[in-house]
Amino acid sequence: MKPLHVDSRILSLTAQITESPDQDIPVLLLKLKEILTSASPGSNESKKIKQDLYYCDLVQYCLLVLKQDYTRVPGGWTTAAQIAEILSQCCVGLEVKTEREEFYSKLLPSAIDSLFFLGRRLQAQFVRAVKVFEPFSLVQITEETLHFLLDELIYKISSTTNPARGKETVKLLLLITESDAQLVITVNARYKGLMHQAACLIQASWRGYQTRKRLRQLPKAITILQRKFRAKREQELQSLKRQREEESLRQQLQLQRQRAMRLFHERQLTLLEIVHAGQIDKHMHEMKEKAALTIQTYWRAFKARRNFHQQKRNLKEYKAAVLIQRAALKFLEKKRRKAHSLWKQPESLSDEQRILLQQKVESYIKLHPASAMSEEMSRELHHQAQEKLAHYMLRKRKDQKAKQHREALLAQVHTDVDQLLSAPSLSECTVKDLNVFMSRSVPVVAKAKQSHNTMLKYMQWPWWKKLEEDFFKEEVDSVDPTTAELETLFIGGSKV
């Protein structure tokens, strides 16, 4: 009779076992170990799990599985040993409520017989393995027999065409050579052509693989070659077409220039025909003067532009030199002021002086011990410190918000002033101009654009223009509070 409530893990495992083939059942039964170890030994939960396994016939199934051959089962005889351990755990501490006589008179004796039978089989397998893989077994064979075995193996390796047979033969040869190190020297000396043949086979296989790989890539290579050839031909055609267009354009420009020159000469001849013969010299003299004036005008303009660019470059160099000299003078003045200041940085202490000072401090602490503070006073002091810290953080947050609000209002005021200055007169004002002052986002956008443009201009400056501003920031940030405090004098309740 099965219990009313059975563990879901046991039910699912039972369903898997009933639906699986025979060779997979031993591996599935190994999952019982996780179910048994999930509960502590001797507890009520462990007893309940064992009863569920018994009433689901899994204990009897383990008993039947132990009698099969494990040479072809995954895990081999290790799986059989684990199933035997699971069977012994299930039988120990099992309380059978019904069919007690069947359990004690049939199941337990058959389980013991199966365990003994499994032990005999494991012992026989161990003895057989020792006889087969014993290192000294090949030493007892005569040299002629050993050479005969090696000859047969080498012949099988060199003559067989079946990959599975060759693989097993190589494995057997490796096992023989691993059993005795002297056999490796014998194989190298006796079968010298084996290495050459193996190298030839490896090279042939590698060349065949490379050839097959190259053959697989041939269609793709042909496609790529055709694509590149078409692209190159298209590029050459485009280049030839561009050259033809440039040549035709050059010819047209040259033809237009020749036509313009011909028209100019024809016009000159026409004018010379109209002019009286006595005024030709005067006309030619006027034309020469006009040409000279035109040439001189262009030359003076070119010279003025060149001088302007030269003066602009010289002015830029002069400004850069002034800024660099000013920054250098400020730096030297700062160094000089620091050297002549009243505050002198103390020299570093040596190890002996540090030890002596530490001894003095320790002796002073021993002579003047600190007053002990009770737990209530320390707790009260801690609460006061926490309240002050919370008050400071709250005030700091409020100050930050107020500062941001002031900056926003100041930016809005500046933007409104700029807009008022650039606004049209009242007679020319429209509704669109009024919307600019009524919207709150417009001043913010205008201020953001102005800041952005200023930053862009600043980034485009040369380095020597930024030098003075950076030096000024560095000078302001590097003010030592101790120096500032020492450089001020306290006179009559005020700092001077």
Protein backbone atom coordinates (compact mmCIF):
# COMPACT_ATOMS: atom_id res chain seq x y z
CA MET A 1 0.00 0.00 0.00
CA LYS A 2 1.48 3.35 -1.02
CA PRO A 3 1.34 6.35 1.38
CA LEU A 4 -1.02 9.20 0.67
CA HIS A 5 1.61 11.93 0.37
CA VAL A 6 4.72 11.02 -1.68
CA ASP A 7 7.65 13.37 -2.35
CA SER A 8 7.32 15.07 -5.75
CA ARG A 9 11.01 14.42 -6.53
CA ILE A 10 10.48 10.67 -6.07
CA LEU A 11 7.38 10.71 -8.28
CA SER A 12 9.17 12.58 -11.09
CA LEU A 13 12.18 10.24 -10.88
CA THR A 14 9.86 7.21 -11.01
CA ALA A 15 8.20 8.59 -14.14
CA GLN A 16 11.60 9.17 -15.80
CA ILE A 17 12.73 5.61 -15.00
CA THR A 18 9.58 4.06 -16.44
CA GLU A 19 9.95 6.06 -19.69
CA SER A 20 13.74 5.61 -20.15
CA PRO A 21 15.55 2.72 -21.88
CA ASP A 22 17.38 0.06 -19.83
CA GLN A 23 20.91 1.43 -20.38
CA ASP A 24 19.95 4.84 -18.92
CA ILE A 25 18.25 3.52 -15.76
CA PRO A 26 21.44 3.08 -13.62
CA VAL A 27 22.44 6.69 -14.26
CA LEU A 28 18.95 7.90 -13.27
CA LEU A 29 19.04 5.84 -10.06
CA LEU A 30 22.11 7.83 -8.97
CA LYS A 31 19.80 10.81 -8.38
CA LEU A 32 18.44 8.96 -5.31
CA LYS A 33 21.66 9.90 -3.50
CA GLU A 34 20.76 13.61 -3.65
CA ILE A 35 17.26 12.86 -2.33
CA LEU A 36 18.63 10.76 0.56
CA THR A 37 21.29 13.31 1.53
CA SER A 38 18.77 16.18 1.51
CA ALA A 39 17.50 15.03 4.93
CA SER A 40 19.63 14.50 8.05
CA PRO A 41 20.21 10.80 8.97
CA GLY A 42 17.83 9.43 11.61
CA SER A 43 15.28 12.23 11.26
CA ASN A 44 11.60 11.73 10.54
CA GLU A 45 12.04 13.24 7.08
CA SER A 46 14.73 10.68 6.24
CA LYS A 47 12.48 7.82 7.40
CA LYS A 48 9.60 9.21 5.33
CA ILE A 49 11.82 9.38 2.19
CA LYS A 50 12.96 5.75 2.66
CA GLN A 51 9.35 4.58 3.08
CA ASP A 52 8.35 6.44 -0.11
CA LEU A 53 11.23 4.81 -2.01
CA TYR A 54 10.20 1.37 -0.74
CA TYR A 55 6.50 1.75 -1.57
CA CYS A 56 7.37 3.18 -5.03
CA ASP A 57 9.42 -0.01 -5.70
CA LEU A 58 12.65 1.95 -6.25
CA VAL A 59 14.51 -0.14 -3.64
CA GLN A 60 13.50 -3.32 -5.43
CA TYR A 61 14.55 -1.72 -8.72
CA CYS A 62 18.03 -0.99 -7.33
CA LEU A 63 18.23 -4.63 -6.27
CA LEU A 64 17.44 -5.83 -9.79
CA VAL A 65 19.77 -3.33 -11.49
CA LEU A 66 22.76 -4.53 -9.44
CA LYS A 67 22.70 -7.91 -11.18
CA GLN A 68 23.26 -6.60 -14.74
CA ASP A 69 26.58 -6.16 -16.58
CA TYR A 70 28.16 -2.69 -16.12
CA THR A 71 30.82 -2.87 -18.79
CA ARG A 72 28.64 -0.89 -21.23
CA VAL A 73 26.89 1.36 -18.71
CA PRO A 74 28.07 5.01 -18.45
CA GLY A 75 30.41 5.20 -15.47
CA GLY A 76 31.12 1.47 -15.48
CA TRP A 77 31.58 -0.32 -12.18
CA THR A 78 31.76 3.00 -10.32
CA THR A 79 28.05 3.41 -11.06
CA ALA A 80 27.41 -0.07 -9.66
CA ALA A 81 29.28 0.76 -6.44
CA GLN A 82 27.24 3.97 -6.00
CA ILE A 83 23.94 2.09 -6.55
CA ALA A 84 25.05 -0.47 -3.94
CA GLU A 85 25.70 2.37 -1.48
CA ILE A 86 22.24 3.82 -2.20
CA LEU A 87 20.64 0.38 -1.62
CA SER A 88 22.39 -0.03 1.73
CA GLN A 89 21.31 3.49 2.83
CA CYS A 90 17.69 2.73 1.89
CA CYS A 91 17.63 -0.55 3.83
CA VAL A 92 19.25 0.85 7.01
CA GLY A 93 16.62 2.42 9.30
CA LEU A 94 13.68 1.55 7.03
CA GLU A 95 10.45 1.05 9.02
CA VAL A 96 7.99 -1.07 7.02
CA LYS A 97 4.42 -0.75 8.28
CA THR A 98 2.89 -3.46 6.05
CA GLU A 99 4.41 -6.62 4.58
CA ARG A 100 7.15 -6.70 7.22
CA GLU A 101 7.72 -10.44 6.78
CA GLU A 102 8.32 -10.05 3.04
CA PHE A 103 10.85 -7.26 3.67
CA TYR A 104 12.84 -9.10 6.34
CA SER A 105 12.66 -12.61 4.83
CA LYS A 106 12.99 -11.85 1.10
CA LEU A 107 14.22 -8.34 0.32
CA LEU A 108 17.03 -8.03 2.86
CA PRO A 109 18.59 -11.49 2.14
CA SER A 110 18.42 -10.90 -1.62
CA ALA A 111 20.00 -7.43 -1.13
CA ILE A 112 22.86 -8.97 0.85
CA ASP A 113 23.36 -11.66 -1.82
CA SER A 114 23.41 -8.98 -4.55
CA LEU A 115 25.99 -6.95 -2.65
CA PHE A 116 28.20 -10.02 -2.18
CA PHE A 117 27.79 -10.92 -5.84
CA LEU A 118 28.76 -7.38 -6.86
CA GLY A 119 31.80 -7.56 -4.58
CA ARG A 120 32.95 -10.82 -6.23
CA ARG A 121 32.52 -9.29 -9.69
CA LEU A 122 34.48 -6.17 -8.72
CA GLN A 123 37.25 -8.34 -7.31
CA ALA A 124 37.37 -10.41 -10.50
CA GLN A 125 37.52 -7.25 -12.62
CA PHE A 126 40.36 -5.91 -10.47
CA VAL A 127 42.35 -9.15 -10.77
CA ARG A 128 41.79 -9.24 -14.51
CA ALA A 129 42.89 -5.61 -14.87
CA VAL A 130 46.02 -6.27 -12.83
CA LYS A 131 46.92 -9.23 -15.02
CA VAL A 132 46.37 -7.28 -18.23
CA PHE A 133 48.01 -3.99 -17.27
CA GLU A 134 50.77 -5.28 -15.01
CA PRO A 135 54.05 -3.58 -16.12
CA PHE A 136 56.12 -6.73 -15.74
CA SER A 137 53.84 -8.96 -17.83
CA LEU A 138 55.54 -7.96 -21.11
CA VAL A 139 58.96 -8.49 -19.58
CA GLN A 140 58.12 -12.17 -19.04
CA ILE A 141 57.36 -12.60 -22.78
CA THR A 142 60.26 -13.73 -24.94
CA GLU A 143 61.88 -11.24 -27.27
CA GLU A 144 60.84 -13.16 -30.40
CA THR A 145 57.17 -13.22 -29.32
CA LEU A 146 57.30 -9.51 -28.50
CA HIS A 147 58.87 -8.72 -31.88
CA PHE A 148 56.23 -10.85 -33.57
CA LEU A 149 53.44 -8.88 -31.81
CA LEU A 150 55.06 -5.58 -32.74
CA ASP A 151 55.47 -6.71 -36.36
CA GLU A 152 51.78 -7.58 -36.54
CA LEU A 153 50.74 -4.25 -35.04
CA ILE A 154 52.98 -2.24 -37.36
CA TYR A 155 51.72 -4.24 -40.34
CA LYS A 156 48.11 -3.52 -39.34
CA ILE A 157 48.87 0.19 -38.98
CA SER A 158 50.60 0.42 -42.37
CA SER A 159 48.21 -1.77 -44.36
CA THR A 160 44.74 -1.11 -42.94
CA THR A 161 42.42 1.42 -44.56
CA ASN A 162 39.73 1.29 -41.87
CA PRO A 163 40.08 4.33 -39.56
CA ALA A 164 38.49 2.58 -36.56
CA ARG A 165 40.80 -0.43 -36.86
CA GLY A 166 43.85 1.81 -37.24
CA LYS A 167 42.82 3.85 -34.20
CA GLU A 168 42.47 0.78 -32.00
CA THR A 169 45.80 -0.62 -33.26
CA VAL A 170 47.58 2.64 -32.40
CA LYS A 171 46.00 2.63 -28.93
CA LEU A 172 47.20 -0.94 -28.36
CA LEU A 173 50.72 -0.02 -29.50
CA LEU A 174 50.75 2.95 -27.13
CA LEU A 175 49.64 0.75 -24.22
CA ILE A 176 52.44 -1.71 -24.95
CA THR A 177 55.07 1.03 -25.13
CA GLU A 178 53.78 2.66 -21.92
CA SER A 179 54.19 -0.63 -20.03
CA ASP A 180 57.94 -0.73 -20.71
CA ALA A 181 60.17 2.23 -21.56
CA GLN A 182 62.68 -0.06 -23.32
CA LEU A 183 60.08 -0.88 -25.97
CA VAL A 184 60.11 2.75 -27.19
CA ILE A 185 63.81 2.42 -28.08
CA THR A 186 63.12 -0.95 -29.74
CA VAL A 187 60.29 0.48 -31.87
CA ASN A 188 62.44 3.48 -32.93
CA ALA A 189 65.37 1.26 -33.88
CA ARG A 190 63.41 -1.58 -35.51
CA TYR A 191 60.75 0.38 -37.43
CA LYS A 192 62.54 3.45 -38.80
CA GLY A 193 60.27 3.73 -41.81
CA LEU A 194 57.20 4.06 -39.59
CA MET A 195 58.02 7.66 -38.66
CA HIS A 196 58.68 8.53 -42.31
CA GLN A 197 55.39 6.95 -43.35
CA ALA A 198 53.53 8.74 -40.55
CA ALA A 199 55.08 12.06 -41.60
CA CYS A 200 54.07 11.40 -45.21
CA LEU A 201 50.51 10.58 -44.16
CA ILE A 202 50.27 13.70 -41.98
CA GLN A 203 51.65 15.88 -44.77
CA ALA A 204 49.31 14.29 -47.31
CA SER A 205 46.32 14.83 -45.02
CA TRP A 206 47.35 18.44 -44.40
CA ARG A 207 47.85 19.12 -48.11
CA GLY A 208 44.51 17.52 -48.88
CA TYR A 209 42.84 19.69 -46.26
CA GLN A 210 44.50 22.82 -47.66
CA THR A 211 43.49 21.85 -51.21
CA ARG A 212 39.87 21.20 -50.21
CA LYS A 213 39.79 24.49 -48.33
CA ARG A 214 41.20 26.31 -51.36
CA LEU A 215 38.67 24.61 -53.65
CA ARG A 216 35.82 25.66 -51.35
CA GLN A 217 37.06 29.25 -51.47
CA LEU A 218 37.50 29.33 -55.27
CA PRO A 219 33.90 30.40 -56.13
CA LYS A 220 34.09 33.16 -53.54
CA ALA A 221 37.53 34.24 -54.81
CA ILE A 222 36.27 34.34 -58.40
CA THR A 223 33.31 36.49 -57.31
CA ILE A 224 35.62 38.87 -55.43
CA LEU A 225 38.01 39.00 -58.40
CA GLN A 226 35.17 39.80 -60.80
CA ARG A 227 33.83 42.49 -58.46
CA LYS A 228 37.26 44.11 -58.12
CA PHE A 229 37.83 43.92 -61.89
CA ARG A 230 34.47 45.58 -62.59
CA ALA A 231 35.14 48.25 -59.95
CA LYS A 232 38.59 48.96 -61.39
CA ARG A 233 37.22 49.13 -64.94
CA GLU A 234 34.44 51.47 -63.79
CA GLN A 235 37.02 53.64 -62.04
CA GLU A 236 39.17 53.77 -65.17
CA LEU A 237 36.13 54.70 -67.29
CA GLN A 238 35.18 57.45 -64.83
CA SER A 239 38.75 58.76 -64.83
CA LEU A 240 38.87 58.72 -68.65
CA LYS A 241 35.51 60.50 -68.81
CA ARG A 242 36.70 63.12 -66.31
CA GLN A 243 39.88 63.69 -68.33
CA ARG A 244 37.85 64.13 -71.52
CA GLU A 245 35.54 66.63 -69.83
CA GLU A 246 38.50 68.59 -68.45
CA GLU A 247 40.18 68.58 -71.86
CA SER A 248 37.02 69.79 -73.59
CA LEU A 249 36.58 72.50 -70.93
CA ARG A 250 40.19 73.57 -71.36
CA GLN A 251 39.74 73.77 -75.14
CA GLN A 252 36.55 75.80 -74.74
CA LEU A 253 38.26 78.24 -72.38
CA GLN A 254 41.20 78.58 -74.72
CA LEU A 255 38.84 79.13 -77.66
CA GLN A 256 36.90 81.77 -75.71
CA ARG A 257 40.13 83.49 -74.74
CA GLN A 258 41.28 83.52 -78.38
CA ARG A 259 37.92 84.90 -79.51
CA ALA A 260 38.05 87.62 -76.84
CA MET A 261 41.61 88.50 -77.87
CA ARG A 262 40.58 88.64 -81.53
CA LEU A 263 37.60 90.87 -80.74
CA PHE A 264 39.84 93.14 -78.69
CA HIS A 265 42.35 93.48 -81.53
CA GLU A 266 39.55 94.07 -84.04
CA ARG A 267 38.12 96.79 -81.79
CA GLN A 268 41.57 98.35 -81.48
CA LEU A 269 42.01 98.34 -85.25
CA THR A 270 38.55 99.87 -85.70
CA LEU A 271 39.41 102.65 -83.26
CA LEU A 272 42.73 103.24 -85.01
CA GLU A 273 40.90 103.55 -88.32
CA ILE A 274 38.50 106.11 -86.84
CA VAL A 275 41.23 108.21 -85.18
CA HIS A 276 43.00 110.79 -87.38
CA ALA A 277 46.56 109.94 -88.39
CA GLY A 278 47.95 112.95 -86.53
CA GLN A 279 46.33 111.90 -83.23
CA ILE A 280 47.48 108.26 -83.21
CA ASP A 281 50.63 109.04 -81.22
CA LYS A 282 48.61 110.98 -78.68
CA HIS A 283 46.08 108.14 -78.38
CA MET A 284 48.84 105.53 -77.93
CA HIS A 285 50.45 107.72 -75.26
CA GLU A 286 47.13 107.93 -73.36
CA MET A 287 46.65 104.16 -73.57
CA LYS A 288 50.16 103.58 -72.20
CA GLU A 289 49.49 105.97 -69.30
CA LYS A 290 46.21 104.18 -68.45
CA ALA A 291 47.97 100.80 -68.57
CA ALA A 292 50.79 102.11 -66.35
CA LEU A 293 48.29 103.56 -63.86
CA THR A 294 46.37 100.28 -63.72
CA ILE A 295 49.56 98.27 -63.14
CA GLN A 296 50.73 100.71 -60.46
CA THR A 297 47.31 100.58 -58.74
CA TYR A 298 47.34 96.80 -58.54
CA TRP A 299 50.96 96.79 -57.38
CA ARG A 300 50.30 99.35 -54.62
CA ALA A 301 47.24 97.38 -53.48
CA PHE A 302 49.25 94.16 -53.38
CA LYS A 303 52.08 95.91 -51.48
CA ALA A 304 49.63 97.43 -48.98
CA ARG A 305 47.99 94.05 -48.34
CA ARG A 306 51.39 92.43 -47.85
CA ASN A 307 52.47 95.16 -45.41
CA PHE A 308 49.15 94.87 -43.57
CA HIS A 309 49.55 91.10 -43.10
CA GLN A 310 53.15 91.60 -41.98
CA GLN A 311 52.13 94.28 -39.46
CA LYS A 312 49.28 92.09 -38.25
CA ARG A 313 51.70 89.19 -37.67
CA ASN A 314 54.17 91.50 -35.90
CA LEU A 315 51.39 92.92 -33.71
CA LYS A 316 50.25 89.43 -32.81
CA GLU A 317 53.81 88.42 -31.87
CA TYR A 318 54.18 91.62 -29.84
CA LYS A 319 50.95 90.93 -27.89
CA ALA A 320 52.00 87.34 -27.27
CA ALA A 321 55.41 88.49 -26.00
CA VAL A 322 53.75 91.05 -23.70
CA LEU A 323 51.39 88.45 -22.22
CA ILE A 324 54.18 85.90 -21.74
CA GLN A 325 56.42 88.49 -20.09
CA ARG A 326 53.57 89.63 -17.86
CA ALA A 327 52.85 86.05 -16.77
CA ALA A 328 56.56 85.41 -16.15
CA LEU A 329 56.88 88.62 -14.09
CA LYS A 330 53.83 87.65 -12.02
CA PHE A 331 55.28 84.22 -11.43
CA LEU A 332 58.64 85.66 -10.36
CA GLU A 333 56.90 88.20 -8.12
CA LYS A 334 54.92 85.40 -6.52
CA LYS A 335 58.10 83.39 -5.90
CA ARG A 336 59.84 86.48 -4.48
CA ARG A 337 56.88 87.26 -2.20
CA LYS A 338 56.81 83.69 -0.97
CA ALA A 339 60.57 83.78 -0.27
CA HIS A 340 60.32 87.03 1.78
CA SER A 341 57.11 86.14 3.62
CA LEU A 342 57.04 85.78 7.43
CA TRP A 343 55.73 82.26 7.26
CA LYS A 344 58.48 79.71 6.82
CA GLN A 345 57.67 76.12 6.15
CA PRO A 346 59.12 73.98 8.95
CA GLU A 347 61.93 71.66 8.05
CA SER A 348 61.30 67.93 8.10
CA LEU A 349 62.21 66.15 11.32
CA SER A 350 64.85 63.48 11.48
CA ASP A 351 64.15 60.02 12.91
CA GLU A 352 65.85 60.85 16.23
CA GLN A 353 63.88 64.08 16.66
CA ARG A 354 60.64 62.28 15.78
CA ILE A 355 61.33 59.56 18.38
CA LEU A 356 62.21 62.19 21.01
CA LEU A 357 59.00 64.14 20.34
CA GLN A 358 56.96 60.94 20.48
CA GLN A 359 58.50 60.08 23.88
CA LYS A 360 57.67 63.58 25.18
CA VAL A 361 54.08 63.25 24.01
CA GLU A 362 53.71 59.82 25.63
CA SER A 363 55.18 61.07 28.93
CA TYR A 364 52.83 64.08 28.89
CA ILE A 365 49.85 61.82 28.25
CA LYS A 366 50.88 59.61 31.18
CA LEU A 367 51.25 62.62 33.51
CA HIS A 368 48.02 64.26 32.35
CA PRO A 369 45.52 61.48 31.62
CA ALA A 370 42.24 62.43 30.01
CA SER A 371 39.16 62.52 32.17
CA ALA A 372 36.95 59.49 31.71
CA MET A 373 33.56 60.10 30.12
CA SER A 374 30.52 58.11 31.11
CA GLU A 375 28.42 56.25 28.57
CA GLU A 376 25.47 58.63 28.96
CA MET A 377 27.66 61.70 28.36
CA SER A 378 29.27 60.12 25.29
CA ARG A 379 25.84 59.17 23.94
CA GLU A 380 24.53 62.70 24.54
CA LEU A 381 27.63 64.18 22.87
CA HIS A 382 27.10 61.84 19.92
CA HIS A 383 23.46 62.95 19.57
CA GLN A 384 24.48 66.60 19.68
CA ALA A 385 27.10 66.04 16.98
CA GLN A 386 24.54 64.22 14.82
CA GLU A 387 22.01 67.04 15.23
CA LYS A 388 24.61 69.69 14.34
CA LEU A 389 25.71 67.68 11.31
CA ALA A 390 22.11 67.25 10.11
CA HIS A 391 21.44 70.97 10.66
CA TYR A 392 24.61 71.86 8.73
CA MET A 393 23.76 69.55 5.80
CA LEU A 394 20.20 70.95 5.63
CA ARG A 395 21.47 74.53 5.72
CA LYS A 396 24.13 73.71 3.11
CA ARG A 397 21.50 72.28 0.77
CA LYS A 398 19.30 75.34 1.25
CA ASP A 399 22.26 77.66 0.62
CA GLN A 400 23.09 75.80 -2.59
CA LYS A 401 19.50 76.09 -3.82
CA ALA A 402 19.45 79.79 -2.93
CA LYS A 403 22.75 80.34 -4.73
CA GLN A 404 21.45 78.59 -7.86
CA HIS A 405 18.27 80.69 -7.67
CA ARG A 406 20.31 83.91 -7.36
CA GLU A 407 22.49 82.94 -10.32
CA ALA A 408 19.41 82.16 -12.41
CA LEU A 409 17.79 85.47 -11.47
CA LEU A 410 21.02 87.36 -12.22
CA ALA A 411 21.30 85.67 -15.62
CA GLN A 412 17.66 86.50 -16.33
CA VAL A 413 18.22 90.15 -15.37
CA HIS A 414 21.27 90.42 -17.64
CA THR A 415 19.39 88.80 -20.49
CA ASP A 416 16.39 91.11 -19.99
CA VAL A 417 18.72 94.12 -20.02
CA ASP A 418 20.31 92.95 -23.28
CA GLN A 419 16.89 92.35 -24.81
CA LEU A 420 15.66 95.77 -23.70
CA LEU A 421 18.70 97.43 -25.23
CA SER A 422 18.21 95.57 -28.51
CA ALA A 423 14.40 95.88 -28.53
CA PRO A 424 12.70 98.11 -31.13
CA SER A 425 10.92 101.34 -30.25
CA LEU A 426 7.32 101.36 -29.02
CA SER A 427 6.06 102.60 -32.38
CA GLU A 428 7.67 99.67 -34.17
CA CYS A 429 6.85 97.02 -31.51
CA THR A 430 4.67 94.03 -32.42
CA VAL A 431 3.02 91.13 -30.57
CA LYS A 432 5.95 88.87 -31.39
CA ASP A 433 8.32 91.26 -29.61
CA LEU A 434 6.08 91.20 -26.52
CA ASN A 435 6.14 87.38 -26.40
CA VAL A 436 9.92 87.54 -26.03
CA PHE A 437 9.55 89.37 -22.69
CA MET A 438 6.54 87.35 -21.49
CA SER A 439 8.20 83.93 -21.93
CA ARG A 440 10.51 82.70 -19.15
CA SER A 441 12.39 80.25 -21.35
CA VAL A 442 13.60 82.86 -23.84
CA PRO A 443 16.02 84.60 -21.42
CA VAL A 444 17.40 81.26 -20.33
CA VAL A 445 17.95 80.18 -23.93
CA ALA A 446 19.57 83.51 -24.79
CA LYS A 447 21.91 83.30 -21.78
CA ALA A 448 22.81 79.71 -22.66
CA LYS A 449 23.59 80.69 -26.26
CA GLN A 450 25.71 83.60 -25.06
CA SER A 451 27.67 81.37 -22.66
CA HIS A 452 28.11 78.76 -25.37
CA ASN A 453 29.42 81.31 -27.89
CA THR A 454 31.79 82.76 -25.29
CA MET A 455 33.17 79.30 -24.53
CA LEU A 456 33.63 78.56 -28.24
CA LYS A 457 35.55 81.81 -28.72
CA TYR A 458 37.66 81.03 -25.67
CA MET A 459 38.51 77.56 -27.02
CA GLN A 460 39.61 79.07 -30.35
CA TRP A 461 42.07 81.45 -28.69
CA PRO A 462 45.80 80.72 -28.99
CA TRP A 463 47.59 79.42 -25.93
CA TRP A 464 49.32 82.70 -25.12
CA LYS A 465 45.96 84.48 -24.79
CA LYS A 466 44.80 81.94 -22.20
CA LEU A 467 48.07 82.18 -20.28
CA GLU A 468 47.23 85.25 -18.22
CA GLU A 469 43.77 83.99 -17.22
CA ASP A 470 45.07 80.54 -16.24
CA PHE A 471 47.90 82.17 -14.26
CA PHE A 472 45.41 84.41 -12.47
CA LYS A 473 43.21 81.42 -11.56
CA GLU A 474 46.25 79.50 -10.34
CA GLU A 475 47.36 82.47 -8.25
CA VAL A 476 43.91 82.84 -6.66
CA ASP A 477 43.57 79.10 -5.95
CA SER A 478 47.07 78.73 -4.55
CA VAL A 479 46.59 81.23 -1.69
CA ASP A 480 47.60 79.46 1.49
CA PRO A 481 45.14 80.08 4.37
CA THR A 482 48.01 79.99 6.87
CA THR A 483 49.89 82.65 4.88
CA ALA A 484 46.78 84.79 4.61
CA GLU A 485 46.23 84.52 8.34
CA LEU A 486 49.85 85.37 9.21
CA GLU A 487 49.97 88.32 6.79
CA THR A 488 47.09 90.03 8.65
CA LEU A 489 47.57 91.79 11.98
CA PHE A 490 44.97 91.92 14.74
CA ILE A 491 44.79 95.48 16.12
CA GLY A 492 42.05 96.65 18.41
CA GLY A 493 39.56 93.91 17.54
CA SER A 494 39.95 94.30 13.77
CA LYS A 495 42.14 92.63 11.14
CA VAL A 496 44.52 94.82 9.17
